[in-house]
Amino acid sequence: MPLSSSRGLPDAVDAPAATKCPSCAGSDLRRIGQLPVVSVFAGQDAGGTLPASSLFGCRACGLLFRYPVLSRSQYDALYGKVQPTTWPDQPGRIDWALIVEYVGRNSAAGASILDFGCHTGGLLRRLGSRYSLYGVEVNETAAQIAREKTGAEIVEGLEALPRGKQFDFVTAVDVVEHFSDPGRVIACLLEAVKPGGMLIVTTGDADAWLWRIAGSRWWYCYYTEHLAFVSEGWMRDWLKKDAIRAHVAEAHRFRHLHLSPLRYVRQACLFAAYLASPHAYTWAMRHLKRILRRQGDVDPPGTGLTKDHVFLAIRKQP
């Protein structure tokens, strides 16, 4: 690729002096807590390359971020090994439904849409053939599946698009958290938006009230591919501070996953147990998996308990 607010979180010790905010380069940081040591990256064994990290908050701009992290080239290499089944197409995805509805009421047939990080093309397929579809996907296996499913033009990076190419809509679904400097990603994506067009971002909401309680134990920052975390407030402030000719036209929070009442109570009980003792919870769940002969990681509970994601429609000025 050419290339959040921490208010309300429990007080924590200050960050080491050498650490800088990856977005604003500020040094007024606080260490919120240690993140779980995980050897898996996007469902694949990372081969011991992942550093032990902590969650930090920037008092200046409000960004939450993981530190230390790998280089961008190392992450690109890891993404190249990701299996297409890591993020399977889910017809009931709430974020996709929100985007399809928003684009439908704010566009005409033939509008051009670029999905940045399209993976196997699930969102593009939901949008349908009434639009001119494009995608960016670094994993070639997933990109080929997207081409076959949607007929869209899929490229490896923004730099591979025709020079000066711009779109009516650019979407970035659960993408910006995969970069240490989300502001830089937003700026690059806005360059690909036509004047008057829209950039649609969905991501975990760093202002979710349960996240403020859980801190570094929140489920969304467990995944080692998630590097930085934003909120509606962070986005609005960033667009002003960096003099980007764009503004948030529509924003709302939503649940990443809808739970039935019974599943909600179960998830709440597991979440409380995990907050009380992450180590005891993880040990017990691993033991239970062995008994049941099930494979996979022990992911932290918490998803679906609150509106933990945010939908941001950013309009580029004409």
Protein backbone atom coordinates (compact mmCIF):
# COMPACT_ATOMS: atom_id res chain seq x y z
CA MET A 1 0.00 0.00 0.00
CA PRO A 2 1.43 3.44 -0.89
CA LEU A 3 1.42 4.83 1.60
CA SER A 4 -10.53 6.19 19.92
CA SER A 5 -10.43 7.74 22.50
CA SER A 6 -8.76 6.40 25.63
CA ARG A 7 -10.96 8.54 27.87
CA GLY A 8 -12.62 6.49 30.57
CA LEU A 9 -10.08 3.67 30.61
CA PRO A 10 -8.68 2.77 34.03
CA ASP A 11 -5.56 4.68 35.00
CA ALA A 12 -2.35 2.89 34.05
CA VAL A 13 1.36 3.50 34.26
CA ASP A 14 2.98 5.79 31.72
CA ALA A 15 4.56 4.33 28.59
CA PRO A 16 8.32 4.00 28.17
CA ALA A 17 9.87 7.27 27.02
CA ALA A 18 11.00 5.74 23.69
CA THR A 19 7.44 4.90 22.63
CA LYS A 20 5.67 7.35 20.32
CA CYS A 21 2.08 7.46 19.14
CA PRO A 22 2.10 6.03 15.60
CA SER A 23 -0.56 8.56 14.53
CA CYS A 24 0.43 11.93 16.02
CA ALA A 25 4.00 11.08 17.22
CA GLY A 26 3.02 12.29 20.67
CA SER A 27 4.92 10.98 23.69
CA ASP A 28 2.24 11.61 26.34
CA LEU A 29 1.14 7.99 26.53
CA ARG A 30 -0.07 5.53 29.09
CA ARG A 31 0.31 1.80 29.17
CA ILE A 32 -3.16 0.35 29.62
CA GLY A 33 -2.05 -3.23 30.11
CA GLN A 34 -0.26 -6.30 28.83
CA LEU A 35 -1.82 -8.02 25.83
CA PRO A 36 -2.03 -11.82 25.72
CA VAL A 37 1.03 -13.54 24.28
CA VAL A 38 -0.30 -15.23 21.13
CA SER A 39 1.68 -17.16 18.51
CA VAL A 40 -1.12 -17.14 15.92
CA PHE A 41 -1.58 -14.46 13.25
CA ALA A 42 -4.88 -14.43 11.35
CA GLY A 43 -5.43 -18.08 12.16
CA GLN A 44 -1.91 -19.18 11.12
CA ASP A 45 1.13 -20.10 13.20
CA ALA A 46 3.42 -17.06 12.98
CA GLY A 47 6.54 -19.10 13.67
CA GLY A 48 7.54 -17.27 16.83
CA THR A 49 7.96 -13.90 15.09
CA LEU A 50 5.34 -11.98 17.08
CA PRO A 51 6.60 -9.77 19.92
CA ALA A 52 5.05 -9.62 23.38
CA SER A 53 3.05 -6.38 23.29
CA SER A 54 1.08 -4.01 25.48
CA LEU A 55 -1.92 -1.78 24.79
CA PHE A 56 -1.16 1.94 24.95
CA GLY A 57 -3.34 5.04 24.78
CA CYS A 58 -2.26 8.42 23.45
CA ARG A 59 -3.43 11.28 25.66
CA ALA A 60 -2.96 13.77 22.82
CA CYS A 61 -5.03 12.21 20.00
CA GLY A 62 -6.83 9.37 21.78
CA LEU A 63 -5.54 6.52 19.62
CA LEU A 64 -5.22 3.08 21.23
CA PHE A 65 -2.43 0.95 19.81
CA ARG A 66 -0.34 -2.20 20.21
CA TYR A 67 3.40 -1.81 20.91
CA PRO A 68 5.87 -3.13 19.96
CA VAL A 69 4.90 -4.38 16.51
CA LEU A 70 6.61 -5.90 13.47
CA SER A 71 7.60 -4.02 10.32
CA ARG A 72 5.04 -3.53 7.55
CA SER A 73 6.97 -5.90 5.27
CA GLN A 74 6.84 -8.63 7.93
CA TYR A 75 3.10 -8.20 8.27
CA ASP A 76 2.64 -8.28 4.49
CA ALA A 77 4.54 -11.59 4.41
CA LEU A 78 2.26 -13.01 7.11
CA TYR A 79 -0.86 -11.86 5.25
CA GLY A 80 0.43 -13.59 2.15
CA LYS A 81 0.21 -16.91 4.01
CA VAL A 82 -3.34 -16.44 5.28
CA GLN A 83 -5.81 -19.08 4.14
CA PRO A 84 -8.96 -17.89 2.34
CA THR A 85 -11.04 -19.65 5.00
CA THR A 86 -9.59 -17.48 7.78
CA TRP A 87 -12.29 -14.84 7.23
CA PRO A 88 -15.12 -16.82 5.62
CA ASP A 89 -18.00 -15.14 3.79
CA GLN A 90 -20.87 -14.72 6.25
CA PRO A 91 -24.18 -13.83 4.57
CA GLY A 92 -25.57 -12.47 7.87
CA ARG A 93 -22.78 -9.97 8.51
CA ILE A 94 -24.22 -6.81 10.01
CA ASP A 95 -21.53 -4.49 8.64
CA TRP A 96 -22.07 -5.72 5.07
CA ALA A 97 -25.82 -5.19 5.40
CA LEU A 98 -25.26 -1.64 6.65
CA ILE A 99 -22.96 -0.84 3.73
CA VAL A 100 -25.28 -2.35 1.10
CA GLU A 101 -28.18 -0.33 2.49
CA TYR A 102 -26.16 2.90 2.70
CA VAL A 103 -24.75 2.61 -0.81
CA GLY A 104 -28.20 1.70 -2.15
CA ARG A 105 -29.81 4.88 -0.86
CA ASN A 106 -26.91 7.16 -1.79
CA SER A 107 -26.04 6.04 -5.31
CA ALA A 108 -27.33 5.22 -8.75
CA ALA A 109 -26.77 2.11 -10.81
CA GLY A 110 -23.31 2.04 -12.32
CA ALA A 111 -21.60 3.75 -9.38
CA SER A 112 -17.99 2.66 -8.94
CA ILE A 113 -17.05 0.93 -5.69
CA LEU A 114 -13.63 -0.12 -4.42
CA ASP A 115 -13.47 -2.53 -1.47
CA PHE A 116 -10.07 -2.18 0.19
CA GLY A 117 -9.11 -5.51 1.77
CA CYS A 118 -11.85 -7.37 -0.06
CA HIS A 119 -10.48 -10.87 0.80
CA THR A 120 -12.60 -13.39 -1.14
CA GLY A 121 -15.13 -10.80 -2.32
CA GLY A 122 -18.04 -11.40 0.05
CA LEU A 123 -19.05 -7.73 0.30
CA LEU A 124 -18.58 -7.14 -3.43
CA ARG A 125 -20.85 -10.06 -4.18
CA ARG A 126 -23.49 -8.65 -1.79
CA LEU A 127 -23.32 -5.27 -3.54
CA GLY A 128 -24.13 -6.95 -6.84
CA SER A 129 -23.68 -6.37 -10.54
CA ARG A 130 -25.56 -3.06 -10.69
CA TYR A 131 -22.30 -1.38 -9.66
CA SER A 132 -18.83 -1.19 -11.20
CA LEU A 133 -16.81 -3.26 -8.74
CA TYR A 134 -13.13 -3.19 -7.80
CA GLY A 135 -11.13 -4.63 -4.94
CA VAL A 136 -7.72 -4.52 -3.29
CA GLU A 137 -6.41 -7.75 -1.74
CA VAL A 138 -2.79 -8.60 -0.88
CA ASN A 139 -3.42 -12.35 -0.61
CA GLU A 140 -3.37 -13.67 -4.18
CA THR A 141 -5.33 -16.86 -3.41
CA ALA A 142 -8.15 -14.84 -1.84
CA ALA A 143 -7.95 -12.28 -4.67
CA GLN A 144 -8.43 -14.98 -7.31
CA ILE A 145 -11.48 -16.31 -5.49
CA ALA A 146 -12.89 -12.77 -5.39
CA ARG A 147 -12.37 -12.38 -9.14
CA GLU A 148 -14.15 -15.65 -9.86
CA LYS A 149 -17.06 -14.87 -7.51
CA THR A 150 -17.72 -11.28 -8.49
CA GLY A 151 -16.09 -10.53 -11.85
CA ALA A 152 -14.56 -7.49 -10.18
CA GLU A 153 -11.13 -6.12 -11.01
CA ILE A 154 -8.94 -7.10 -8.04
CA VAL A 155 -5.43 -5.67 -7.57
CA GLU A 156 -2.75 -6.21 -4.93
CA GLY A 157 -2.46 -2.59 -3.78
CA LEU A 158 -3.73 0.93 -4.40
CA GLU A 159 -0.60 1.66 -6.43
CA ALA A 160 -1.68 -1.04 -8.92
CA LEU A 161 -4.82 0.91 -9.85
CA PRO A 162 -4.72 3.06 -13.00
CA ARG A 163 -3.04 6.37 -12.23
CA GLY A 164 -5.60 8.92 -11.06
CA LYS A 165 -8.39 6.34 -10.80
CA GLN A 166 -11.07 7.43 -8.30
CA PHE A 167 -14.33 5.88 -7.11
CA ASP A 168 -17.78 6.97 -5.98
CA PHE A 169 -17.40 4.75 -2.91
CA VAL A 170 -14.41 3.21 -1.18
CA THR A 171 -15.09 0.72 1.61
CA ALA A 172 -12.74 -0.50 4.33
CA VAL A 173 -14.43 -3.16 6.45
CA ASP A 174 -12.47 -4.30 9.52
CA VAL A 175 -9.30 -3.01 7.86
CA VAL A 176 -7.90 0.14 9.52
CA GLU A 177 -7.15 -1.74 12.75
CA HIS A 178 -4.62 -3.82 10.80
CA PHE A 179 -2.31 -0.79 10.42
CA SER A 180 -0.26 0.99 13.09
CA ASP A 181 -1.11 4.42 11.65
CA PRO A 182 -4.81 4.40 10.71
CA GLY A 183 -4.71 8.10 9.80
CA ARG A 184 -2.26 7.44 7.00
CA VAL A 185 -4.49 4.65 5.68
CA ILE A 186 -7.54 6.93 5.75
CA ALA A 187 -5.61 9.64 3.87
CA CYS A 188 -4.53 7.16 1.17
CA LEU A 189 -8.04 5.82 0.76
CA LEU A 190 -9.52 9.32 0.49
CA GLU A 191 -7.16 9.97 -2.44
CA ALA A 192 -9.00 7.17 -4.24
CA VAL A 193 -12.42 8.77 -3.59
CA LYS A 194 -13.97 11.10 -6.16
CA PRO A 195 -14.73 14.65 -4.98
CA GLY A 196 -18.15 14.42 -3.37
CA GLY A 197 -17.76 10.65 -2.98
CA MET A 198 -17.76 8.56 0.19
CA LEU A 199 -15.27 6.52 2.18
CA ILE A 200 -17.05 3.98 4.40
CA VAL A 201 -15.10 2.59 7.35
CA THR A 202 -16.26 -0.05 9.82
CA THR A 203 -14.04 -1.14 12.69
CA GLY A 204 -14.02 -1.90 16.38
CA ASP A 205 -15.17 1.04 18.50
CA ALA A 206 -12.46 2.02 20.99
CA ASP A 207 -15.08 4.05 22.87
CA ALA A 208 -17.30 1.04 23.60
CA TRP A 209 -18.09 1.16 27.31
CA LEU A 210 -17.19 -2.47 27.98
CA TRP A 211 -13.83 -1.91 26.27
CA ARG A 212 -13.16 0.98 28.66
CA ILE A 213 -13.81 -1.42 31.53
CA ALA A 214 -11.87 -4.36 30.13
CA GLY A 215 -8.85 -2.38 28.84
CA SER A 216 -6.25 -4.71 27.34
CA ARG A 217 -8.49 -7.70 28.12
CA TRP A 218 -11.08 -6.66 25.52
CA TRP A 219 -11.61 -9.35 22.88
CA TYR A 220 -10.96 -7.08 19.88
CA CYS A 221 -7.36 -6.28 20.83
CA TYR A 222 -6.51 -9.95 21.49
CA TYR A 223 -5.86 -10.64 17.80
CA THR A 224 -2.24 -10.03 16.86
CA GLU A 225 -3.17 -8.66 13.42
CA HIS A 226 -5.04 -5.79 15.13
CA LEU A 227 -2.51 -2.99 15.69
CA ALA A 228 -4.44 0.25 16.32
CA PHE A 229 -7.96 1.13 17.43
CA VAL A 230 -10.07 4.18 16.63
CA SER A 231 -13.46 5.65 17.49
CA GLU A 232 -15.88 8.16 15.98
CA GLY A 233 -14.34 10.90 18.14
CA TRP A 234 -10.81 10.04 17.01
CA MET A 235 -11.91 10.10 13.37
CA ARG A 236 -13.64 13.48 13.62
CA ASP A 237 -10.64 15.01 15.39
CA TRP A 238 -8.15 13.50 12.95
CA LEU A 239 -10.02 14.85 9.94
CA LYS A 240 -9.90 18.34 11.47
CA LYS A 241 -6.30 18.31 12.68
CA ASP A 242 -4.84 17.02 9.44
CA ALA A 243 -6.82 19.49 7.32
CA ILE A 244 -8.25 16.66 5.23
CA ARG A 245 -10.99 17.98 2.98
CA ALA A 246 -13.52 15.46 4.26
CA HIS A 247 -15.94 15.09 7.14
CA VAL A 248 -17.97 12.38 8.88
CA ALA A 249 -21.39 12.53 7.23
CA GLU A 250 -22.95 9.62 9.12
CA ALA A 251 -21.88 7.52 12.09
CA HIS A 252 -23.45 4.96 14.34
CA ARG A 253 -22.44 2.06 16.54
CA PHE A 254 -23.54 -1.51 16.01
CA ARG A 255 -23.00 -4.96 17.46
CA HIS A 256 -20.49 -7.12 15.63
CA LEU A 257 -22.66 -10.10 16.48
CA HIS A 258 -26.31 -10.40 17.52
CA LEU A 259 -26.89 -12.93 20.31
CA SER A 260 -30.06 -14.70 21.42
CA PRO A 261 -31.02 -14.01 25.07
CA LEU A 262 -29.60 -17.36 26.19
CA ARG A 263 -26.33 -16.88 24.30
CA TYR A 264 -26.09 -13.33 25.65
CA VAL A 265 -26.30 -14.52 29.26
CA ARG A 266 -23.75 -17.25 28.57
CA GLN A 267 -21.37 -14.78 26.91
CA ALA A 268 -21.76 -12.31 29.79
CA CYS A 269 -20.89 -15.00 32.35
CA LEU A 270 -17.83 -16.07 30.36
CA PHE A 271 -16.78 -12.43 29.98
CA ALA A 272 -17.00 -11.86 33.74
CA ALA A 273 -14.93 -14.99 34.37
CA TYR A 274 -12.30 -13.90 31.86
CA LEU A 275 -12.01 -10.42 33.38
CA ALA A 276 -11.61 -11.92 36.84
CA SER A 277 -8.74 -14.21 35.78
CA PRO A 278 -7.68 -14.45 32.13
CA HIS A 279 -5.08 -17.13 32.91
CA ALA A 280 -7.52 -19.36 34.81
CA TYR A 281 -10.17 -18.90 32.11
CA THR A 282 -7.74 -19.76 29.29
CA TRP A 283 -6.42 -22.81 31.14
CA ALA A 284 -9.95 -24.10 31.81
CA MET A 285 -11.08 -23.56 28.21
CA ARG A 286 -7.99 -25.29 26.81
CA HIS A 287 -8.59 -28.25 29.13
CA LEU A 288 -12.22 -28.40 28.03
CA LYS A 289 -11.20 -28.30 24.35
CA ARG A 290 -8.86 -31.25 24.90
CA ILE A 291 -11.63 -33.23 26.55
CA LEU A 292 -14.01 -32.46 23.69
CA ARG A 293 -11.22 -33.05 21.14
CA ARG A 294 -11.68 -29.64 19.58
CA GLN A 295 -8.99 -27.62 17.84
CA GLY A 296 -8.37 -23.88 17.80
CA ASP A 297 -7.38 -21.01 20.03
CA VAL A 298 -9.12 -19.88 23.18
CA ASP A 299 -10.40 -16.49 22.10
CA PRO A 300 -11.52 -14.05 24.82
CA PRO A 301 -15.31 -13.74 25.23
CA GLY A 302 -17.18 -10.46 24.96
CA THR A 303 -18.30 -10.06 21.36
CA GLY A 304 -21.97 -9.16 21.00
CA LEU A 305 -22.38 -7.91 24.57
CA THR A 306 -22.55 -4.27 23.50
CA LYS A 307 -22.36 -2.07 20.42
CA ASP A 308 -18.66 -2.78 19.93
CA HIS A 309 -18.20 -1.58 16.31
CA VAL A 310 -18.65 1.75 14.56
CA PHE A 311 -19.87 2.62 11.05
CA LEU A 312 -18.35 5.82 9.63
CA ALA A 313 -19.40 7.36 6.31
CA ILE A 314 -16.83 10.03 5.39
CA ARG A 315 -17.68 12.44 2.60
CA LYS A 316 -14.88 13.96 0.54
CA GLN A 317 -15.56 17.58 -0.26
CA PRO A 318 -16.28 18.42 -3.93
